[in-house]
Amino acid sequence: MAEFAPGLLEEQGGQALLGLLGLLMTAGVWYPLQNRPLPRTLALGGPALALLLHESIPATHALSSALPGMAGAIAGLLVAGTAFLPLYLTGASTASDVKLMAMVGACLGPLEVAGAILFTLLAGSLLSVLCNVRPRPGLPAVPCAVAIALGTASWILVSVTGQLPGL
C-alpha cells in the first residue's frame, strides 16, 4: 500500500494540498447534488491549481512519494482519468465524474490516487447496494461524486493514520 510522506499533516505543502482537495471535493459534490454538471472553471481550474501548488512545494513536503512536483500531478491526473474513462464510456458514470477523479489525481499524485480509486470503487459499490436494498420511488440515485468524495477521504484517513478505522 502506498503511503504518504512522513509528517504529512505537519508539513505546509501537505496541508495546502489537502485543503485544496477538500475545497475542490466539496464543490465537486455540491454540483451533482443540485443536478448540475461540473463547471469548466472547476474541472479545469482545480487541476491547474494542483499543478501550480505541486510545482511550488519542495519535494520533501509533497504528497506524492513517486514523482514530486508537476510531473507527479500530471501523472496522477492521467492515472485517475484513465481509470475512470471506461466507466464513462460504458455509461456507468458521467464526464463530470471522470474530471472530478482526475482532479483528485492531480492533487494526490500517481501512487496515492491508486488507493483513492480503489476506495472510491468500494464506496460506490457499497452506496449502490444500500440504495438498492430498499428502493423507494422518487428517491434519486446517489451521484458518483459522493462515492469519489467518500472514497478519497477514506483513503486519506487510512494513509495518514496507517490503519483501517475500527481495527
Foldseek 3Di string as FASTA:
>chain_A
DDFFQPPLVVFPLSVVLVVLLVVLLVLLQVQVVVVHADDPCSLVVLLVVLQVSQQPDPLNNARDPPDGHNVQLQLQLVQQLVVCVVCCVVPVAHPSLSSSLSSVRSSRGNPLSVQLVVLLVVLVVVLVCVCPVDPDPPDDRRHSSVSSVRSSVQSVVCNNVVHHPPD
